[in-house]
Amino acid sequence: MFEKAARLKYRFESSKGLLTVEDLWDLPLTSETKRANLDDIARELHKQLKSGDDISFVYPERKSNATIQAKFDIVKHIIDVKLLELEAAKKAEQNKLQKQKILRLISEKDDEVLRGKSREELTALLEGIE
């Protein structure tokens, strides 16, 4: 689908103007400030698909439903990839926090073991460290 988009030079309408497929990868998923974003582009393409307003029965090469569908599929794919990346980043962050917590608890357990030793045992341990 990306080869087709490149060969046919698909452009995507946005509040920023016309965008290439490559430009889509740089857009945020959504925007609170009316900035160009993937959600708005996907919604507009979906609206065009549902309404059929851009179809010409005289000039079928004009923005046919197949073209709009292909553009929608591209934007939807990019959204799906970005959502997966966000989920992976969240999971990595959770794993990092969990690992830090476990390491902290291990350190506390080690400290408890050391606290339980007598002065002589601690001194012997200290002398054993070079």
N, C-alpha and C. Protein backbone atom coordinates (compact mmCIF):
# COMPACT_ATOMS: atom_id res chain seq x y z
N MET A 1 0.81 -1.19 0.00
CA MET A 1 0.00 0.00 0.00
C MET A 1 0.86 1.26 0.00
N PHE A 2 2.04 1.19 0.64
CA PHE A 2 2.92 2.36 0.64
C PHE A 2 3.57 2.57 -0.72
N GLU A 3 3.86 1.48 -1.42
CA GLU A 3 4.40 1.61 -2.77
C GLU A 3 3.37 2.29 -3.67
N LYS A 4 2.12 1.88 -3.56
CA LYS A 4 1.05 2.48 -4.35
C LYS A 4 0.94 3.98 -4.04
N ALA A 5 1.02 4.31 -2.77
CA ALA A 5 0.92 5.72 -2.37
C ALA A 5 2.06 6.54 -2.95
N ALA A 6 3.26 5.96 -2.97
CA ALA A 6 4.41 6.68 -3.52
C ALA A 6 4.30 6.82 -5.04
N ARG A 7 3.93 5.74 -5.69
CA ARG A 7 3.82 5.79 -7.15
C ARG A 7 2.72 6.74 -7.62
N LEU A 8 1.60 6.75 -6.91
CA LEU A 8 0.48 7.61 -7.30
C LEU A 8 0.55 8.99 -6.65
N LYS A 9 1.61 9.20 -5.89
CA LYS A 9 1.87 10.50 -5.25
C LYS A 9 0.67 10.98 -4.42
N TYR A 10 0.20 10.10 -3.56
CA TYR A 10 -0.92 10.47 -2.68
C TYR A 10 -0.54 11.65 -1.82
N ARG A 11 -1.46 12.56 -1.67
CA ARG A 11 -1.32 13.69 -0.77
C ARG A 11 -2.52 13.68 0.16
N PHE A 12 -2.29 14.07 1.38
CA PHE A 12 -3.31 14.03 2.41
C PHE A 12 -3.61 15.45 2.86
N GLU A 13 -4.88 15.81 2.82
CA GLU A 13 -5.28 17.16 3.22
C GLU A 13 -5.26 17.27 4.74
N SER A 14 -4.72 18.40 5.19
CA SER A 14 -4.67 18.65 6.64
C SER A 14 -4.77 20.15 6.87
N SER A 15 -4.85 20.54 8.12
CA SER A 15 -4.89 21.96 8.46
C SER A 15 -3.55 22.62 8.14
N LYS A 16 -2.52 21.82 7.93
CA LYS A 16 -1.17 22.30 7.62
C LYS A 16 -0.96 22.39 6.11
N GLY A 17 -1.93 21.91 5.33
CA GLY A 17 -1.80 21.86 3.88
C GLY A 17 -1.68 20.40 3.44
N LEU A 18 -1.21 20.20 2.23
CA LEU A 18 -1.07 18.84 1.71
C LEU A 18 0.16 18.16 2.29
N LEU A 19 0.00 16.91 2.69
CA LEU A 19 1.08 16.16 3.31
C LEU A 19 1.34 14.88 2.53
N THR A 20 2.59 14.44 2.52
CA THR A 20 2.95 13.17 1.91
C THR A 20 2.81 12.07 2.96
N VAL A 21 2.94 10.83 2.52
CA VAL A 21 2.89 9.70 3.47
C VAL A 21 4.00 9.86 4.50
N GLU A 22 5.18 10.28 4.06
CA GLU A 22 6.30 10.46 4.98
C GLU A 22 5.97 11.49 6.06
N ASP A 23 5.26 12.54 5.66
CA ASP A 23 4.88 13.58 6.63
C ASP A 23 3.95 13.04 7.71
N LEU A 24 3.10 12.08 7.33
CA LEU A 24 2.14 11.53 8.28
C LEU A 24 2.81 10.92 9.50
N TRP A 25 3.97 10.30 9.29
CA TRP A 25 4.68 9.65 10.39
C TRP A 25 5.13 10.66 11.44
N ASP A 26 5.27 11.93 11.06
CA ASP A 26 5.73 12.96 11.99
C ASP A 26 4.60 13.63 12.76
N LEU A 27 3.36 13.33 12.39
CA LEU A 27 2.21 13.97 13.03
C LEU A 27 1.88 13.29 14.36
N PRO A 28 1.33 14.09 15.29
CA PRO A 28 0.85 13.47 16.53
C PRO A 28 -0.47 12.74 16.27
N LEU A 29 -0.84 11.86 17.18
CA LEU A 29 -2.11 11.15 17.03
C LEU A 29 -3.29 12.12 17.12
N THR A 30 -3.25 13.01 18.08
CA THR A 30 -4.30 14.02 18.25
C THR A 30 -3.64 15.35 18.59
N SER A 31 -4.47 16.40 18.61
CA SER A 31 -3.94 17.72 18.97
C SER A 31 -5.04 18.54 19.63
N GLU A 32 -4.71 19.15 20.72
CA GLU A 32 -5.64 20.03 21.43
C GLU A 32 -5.64 21.43 20.80
N THR A 33 -4.61 21.75 20.01
CA THR A 33 -4.43 23.11 19.50
C THR A 33 -4.75 23.24 18.01
N LYS A 34 -5.54 22.32 17.49
CA LYS A 34 -5.94 22.36 16.07
C LYS A 34 -4.77 22.17 15.12
N ARG A 35 -3.66 21.64 15.64
CA ARG A 35 -2.51 21.30 14.81
C ARG A 35 -2.88 20.10 13.95
N ALA A 36 -2.23 19.96 12.81
CA ALA A 36 -2.47 18.80 11.96
C ALA A 36 -2.19 17.54 12.78
N ASN A 37 -3.09 16.57 12.70
CA ASN A 37 -2.91 15.33 13.45
C ASN A 37 -3.58 14.17 12.71
N LEU A 38 -3.17 12.97 13.05
CA LEU A 38 -3.64 11.78 12.35
C LEU A 38 -5.12 11.52 12.55
N ASP A 39 -5.62 11.79 13.74
CA ASP A 39 -7.03 11.54 14.01
C ASP A 39 -7.92 12.39 13.11
N ASP A 40 -7.61 13.67 12.96
CA ASP A 40 -8.42 14.55 12.11
C ASP A 40 -8.37 14.11 10.65
N ILE A 41 -7.20 13.71 10.18
CA ILE A 41 -7.07 13.27 8.79
C ILE A 41 -7.88 11.98 8.58
N ALA A 42 -7.78 11.05 9.51
CA ALA A 42 -8.53 9.79 9.39
C ALA A 42 -10.03 10.06 9.43
N ARG A 43 -10.45 10.95 10.30
CA ARG A 43 -11.89 11.28 10.38
C ARG A 43 -12.40 11.86 9.07
N GLU A 44 -11.63 12.76 8.50
CA GLU A 44 -12.06 13.38 7.24
C GLU A 44 -12.14 12.34 6.12
N LEU A 45 -11.15 11.47 6.04
CA LEU A 45 -11.19 10.41 5.02
C LEU A 45 -12.37 9.47 5.26
N HIS A 46 -12.62 9.15 6.50
CA HIS A 46 -13.75 8.28 6.84
C HIS A 46 -15.07 8.94 6.45
N LYS A 47 -15.16 10.24 6.70
CA LYS A 47 -16.36 10.99 6.33
C LYS A 47 -16.57 10.95 4.81
N GLN A 48 -15.48 11.12 4.06
CA GLN A 48 -15.56 11.07 2.60
C GLN A 48 -16.00 9.68 2.12
N LEU A 49 -15.49 8.65 2.78
CA LEU A 49 -15.87 7.29 2.42
C LEU A 49 -17.35 7.06 2.66
N LYS A 50 -17.85 7.54 3.78
CA LYS A 50 -19.25 7.33 4.13
C LYS A 50 -20.20 8.15 3.26
N SER A 51 -19.80 9.38 2.92
CA SER A 51 -20.71 10.26 2.18
C SER A 51 -20.69 10.02 0.69
N GLY A 52 -19.53 9.65 0.15
CA GLY A 52 -19.42 9.46 -1.29
C GLY A 52 -19.47 10.77 -2.07
N ASP A 53 -19.32 11.91 -1.39
CA ASP A 53 -19.40 13.22 -2.04
C ASP A 53 -18.33 13.44 -3.10
N ASP A 54 -17.17 12.84 -2.90
CA ASP A 54 -16.08 13.11 -3.83
C ASP A 54 -16.05 12.15 -5.01
N ILE A 55 -17.09 11.36 -5.18
CA ILE A 55 -17.11 10.42 -6.28
C ILE A 55 -17.72 11.09 -7.50
N SER A 56 -17.11 10.86 -8.63
CA SER A 56 -17.66 11.35 -9.90
C SER A 56 -17.97 10.13 -10.76
N PHE A 57 -19.19 10.03 -11.22
CA PHE A 57 -19.56 8.92 -12.07
C PHE A 57 -19.17 9.19 -13.52
N VAL A 58 -18.89 10.44 -13.83
CA VAL A 58 -18.45 10.81 -15.17
C VAL A 58 -16.93 10.66 -15.28
N TYR A 59 -16.23 11.08 -14.25
CA TYR A 59 -14.77 11.01 -14.20
C TYR A 59 -14.36 10.11 -13.04
N PRO A 60 -14.41 8.81 -13.23
CA PRO A 60 -14.13 7.89 -12.11
C PRO A 60 -12.71 7.98 -11.58
N GLU A 61 -11.78 8.55 -12.34
CA GLU A 61 -10.41 8.64 -11.85
C GLU A 61 -10.27 9.70 -10.76
N ARG A 62 -11.25 10.58 -10.63
CA ARG A 62 -11.21 11.58 -9.57
C ARG A 62 -11.51 10.92 -8.24
N LYS A 63 -10.64 11.06 -7.33
CA LYS A 63 -10.83 10.61 -5.95
C LYS A 63 -11.89 9.53 -5.82
N SER A 64 -11.65 8.41 -6.40
CA SER A 64 -12.60 7.31 -6.29
C SER A 64 -12.63 6.79 -4.87
N ASN A 65 -13.64 6.04 -4.56
CA ASN A 65 -13.71 5.43 -3.24
C ASN A 65 -12.50 4.55 -2.97
N ALA A 66 -11.97 3.91 -4.03
CA ALA A 66 -10.79 3.06 -3.86
C ALA A 66 -9.59 3.89 -3.41
N THR A 67 -9.43 5.07 -3.98
CA THR A 67 -8.32 5.96 -3.60
C THR A 67 -8.51 6.44 -2.17
N ILE A 68 -9.72 6.87 -1.85
CA ILE A 68 -9.98 7.34 -0.50
C ILE A 68 -9.78 6.20 0.50
N GLN A 69 -10.25 5.00 0.13
CA GLN A 69 -10.07 3.85 1.01
C GLN A 69 -8.59 3.55 1.22
N ALA A 70 -7.81 3.62 0.15
CA ALA A 70 -6.37 3.36 0.26
C ALA A 70 -5.71 4.40 1.17
N LYS A 71 -6.09 5.66 1.02
CA LYS A 71 -5.54 6.71 1.88
C LYS A 71 -5.94 6.48 3.33
N PHE A 72 -7.21 6.13 3.53
CA PHE A 72 -7.69 5.85 4.88
C PHE A 72 -6.92 4.69 5.50
N ASP A 73 -6.70 3.64 4.71
CA ASP A 73 -5.97 2.46 5.20
C ASP A 73 -4.55 2.82 5.62
N ILE A 74 -3.92 3.71 4.85
CA ILE A 74 -2.55 4.14 5.17
C ILE A 74 -2.55 4.90 6.50
N VAL A 75 -3.45 5.86 6.63
CA VAL A 75 -3.51 6.66 7.86
C VAL A 75 -3.84 5.75 9.05
N LYS A 76 -4.77 4.84 8.87
CA LYS A 76 -5.16 3.92 9.95
C LYS A 76 -3.98 3.03 10.34
N HIS A 77 -3.21 2.58 9.36
CA HIS A 77 -2.03 1.75 9.65
C HIS A 77 -1.01 2.54 10.49
N ILE A 78 -0.78 3.77 10.09
CA ILE A 78 0.18 4.61 10.83
C ILE A 78 -0.32 4.84 12.26
N ILE A 79 -1.62 5.09 12.41
CA ILE A 79 -2.19 5.27 13.75
C ILE A 79 -1.98 3.99 14.57
N ASP A 80 -2.27 2.85 13.98
CA ASP A 80 -2.11 1.58 14.70
C ASP A 80 -0.66 1.34 15.13
N VAL A 81 0.27 1.65 14.25
CA VAL A 81 1.69 1.49 14.58
C VAL A 81 2.08 2.41 15.73
N LYS A 82 1.63 3.67 15.65
CA LYS A 82 1.97 4.63 16.71
C LYS A 82 1.34 4.23 18.04
N LEU A 83 0.12 3.70 18.01
CA LEU A 83 -0.52 3.24 19.24
C LEU A 83 0.24 2.06 19.84
N LEU A 84 0.69 1.14 19.00
CA LEU A 84 1.50 0.02 19.48
C LEU A 84 2.81 0.51 20.09
N GLU A 85 3.43 1.50 19.45
CA GLU A 85 4.67 2.06 19.98
C GLU A 85 4.44 2.73 21.33
N LEU A 86 3.32 3.45 21.46
CA LEU A 86 3.00 4.09 22.75
C LEU A 86 2.79 3.03 23.84
N GLU A 87 2.07 1.97 23.49
CA GLU A 87 1.83 0.90 24.45
C GLU A 87 3.15 0.23 24.86
N ALA A 88 4.03 0.01 23.89
CA ALA A 88 5.33 -0.60 24.19
C ALA A 88 6.16 0.32 25.09
N ALA A 89 6.10 1.61 24.83
CA ALA A 89 6.85 2.57 25.65
C ALA A 89 6.30 2.59 27.08
N LYS A 90 4.96 2.53 27.23
CA LYS A 90 4.35 2.48 28.56
C LYS A 90 4.78 1.22 29.30
N LYS A 91 4.75 0.10 28.60
CA LYS A 91 5.13 -1.17 29.22
C LYS A 91 6.60 -1.14 29.63
N ALA A 92 7.46 -0.58 28.77
CA ALA A 92 8.88 -0.48 29.10
C ALA A 92 9.08 0.39 30.34
N GLU A 93 8.34 1.48 30.43
CA GLU A 93 8.44 2.36 31.60
C GLU A 93 7.96 1.65 32.86
N GLN A 94 6.85 0.90 32.75
CA GLN A 94 6.36 0.15 33.89
C GLN A 94 7.38 -0.90 34.33
N ASN A 95 7.97 -1.59 33.34
CA ASN A 95 8.99 -2.60 33.66
C ASN A 95 10.20 -1.97 34.34
N LYS A 96 10.59 -0.80 33.87
CA LYS A 96 11.72 -0.09 34.46
C LYS A 96 11.43 0.27 35.91
N LEU A 97 10.23 0.80 36.16
CA LEU A 97 9.85 1.16 37.53
C LEU A 97 9.78 -0.07 38.43
N GLN A 98 9.24 -1.16 37.90
CA GLN A 98 9.15 -2.41 38.67
C GLN A 98 10.54 -2.94 39.00
N LYS A 99 11.44 -2.88 38.02
CA LYS A 99 12.81 -3.35 38.24
C LYS A 99 13.50 -2.51 39.32
N GLN A 100 13.33 -1.19 39.26
CA GLN A 100 13.92 -0.31 40.27
C GLN A 100 13.38 -0.63 41.66
N LYS A 101 12.09 -0.88 41.73
CA LYS A 101 11.46 -1.21 43.01
C LYS A 101 12.03 -2.52 43.57
N ILE A 102 12.15 -3.52 42.71
CA ILE A 102 12.69 -4.81 43.14
C ILE A 102 14.14 -4.67 43.59
N LEU A 103 14.95 -3.92 42.84
CA LEU A 103 16.34 -3.71 43.23
C LEU A 103 16.45 -2.99 44.57
N ARG A 104 15.56 -2.03 44.79
CA ARG A 104 15.55 -1.31 46.06
C ARG A 104 15.21 -2.27 47.21
N LEU A 105 14.23 -3.14 46.99
CA LEU A 105 13.84 -4.10 48.02
C LEU A 105 14.96 -5.12 48.29
N ILE A 106 15.63 -5.55 47.23
CA ILE A 106 16.77 -6.46 47.40
C ILE A 106 17.85 -5.79 48.25
N SER A 107 18.10 -4.53 47.96
CA SER A 107 19.10 -3.78 48.72
C SER A 107 18.70 -3.67 50.18
N GLU A 108 17.40 -3.43 50.43
CA GLU A 108 16.91 -3.35 51.80
C GLU A 108 17.07 -4.70 52.52
N LYS A 109 16.78 -5.79 51.80
CA LYS A 109 16.94 -7.14 52.38
C LYS A 109 18.41 -7.40 52.73
N ASP A 110 19.30 -7.00 51.81
CA ASP A 110 20.73 -7.15 52.07
C ASP A 110 21.13 -6.37 53.31
N ASP A 111 20.58 -5.16 53.45
CA ASP A 111 20.87 -4.33 54.62
C ASP A 111 20.36 -5.00 55.89
N GLU A 112 19.17 -5.62 55.82
CA GLU A 112 18.62 -6.32 56.98
C GLU A 112 19.54 -7.46 57.41
N VAL A 113 20.03 -8.20 56.42
CA VAL A 113 20.93 -9.32 56.73
C VAL A 113 22.19 -8.79 57.41
N LEU A 114 22.74 -7.70 56.89
CA LEU A 114 23.94 -7.12 57.51
C LEU A 114 23.65 -6.61 58.92
N ARG A 115 22.50 -6.00 59.10
CA ARG A 115 22.13 -5.48 60.43
C ARG A 115 22.01 -6.62 61.45
N GLY A 116 21.66 -7.78 60.98
CA GLY A 116 21.50 -8.93 61.87
C GLY A 116 22.81 -9.56 62.30
N LYS A 117 23.89 -9.16 61.70
CA LYS A 117 25.18 -9.75 62.03
C LYS A 117 25.79 -9.04 63.24
N SER A 118 26.61 -9.78 63.94
CA SER A 118 27.30 -9.21 65.11
C SER A 118 28.44 -8.31 64.63
N ARG A 119 28.98 -7.54 65.59
CA ARG A 119 30.10 -6.65 65.27
C ARG A 119 31.29 -7.46 64.76
N GLU A 120 31.55 -8.59 65.34
CA GLU A 120 32.68 -9.42 64.94
C GLU A 120 32.48 -9.93 63.50
N GLU A 121 31.25 -10.35 63.21
CA GLU A 121 30.97 -10.85 61.85
C GLU A 121 31.14 -9.73 60.82
N LEU A 122 30.67 -8.53 61.17
CA LEU A 122 30.81 -7.38 60.27
C LEU A 122 32.28 -7.03 60.06
N THR A 123 33.04 -7.08 61.15
CA THR A 123 34.48 -6.77 61.06
C THR A 123 35.16 -7.80 60.17
N ALA A 124 34.82 -9.08 60.33
CA ALA A 124 35.40 -10.13 59.50
C ALA A 124 35.04 -9.91 58.02
N LEU A 125 33.79 -9.52 57.78
CA LEU A 125 33.37 -9.24 56.39
C LEU A 125 34.16 -8.07 55.83
N LEU A 126 34.34 -7.04 56.64
CA LEU A 126 35.08 -5.86 56.20
C LEU A 126 36.53 -6.19 55.88
N GLU A 127 37.14 -7.03 56.68
CA GLU A 127 38.53 -7.42 56.45
C GLU A 127 38.65 -8.29 55.20
N GLY A 128 37.57 -9.00 54.86
CA GLY A 128 37.59 -9.86 53.68
C GLY A 128 37.45 -9.09 52.37
N ILE A 129 37.11 -7.83 52.45
CA ILE A 129 36.96 -7.00 51.24
C ILE A 129 38.28 -6.30 50.95
N GLU A 130 38.75 -6.47 49.79
CA GLU A 130 40.03 -5.83 49.42
C GLU A 130 39.80 -4.52 48.75
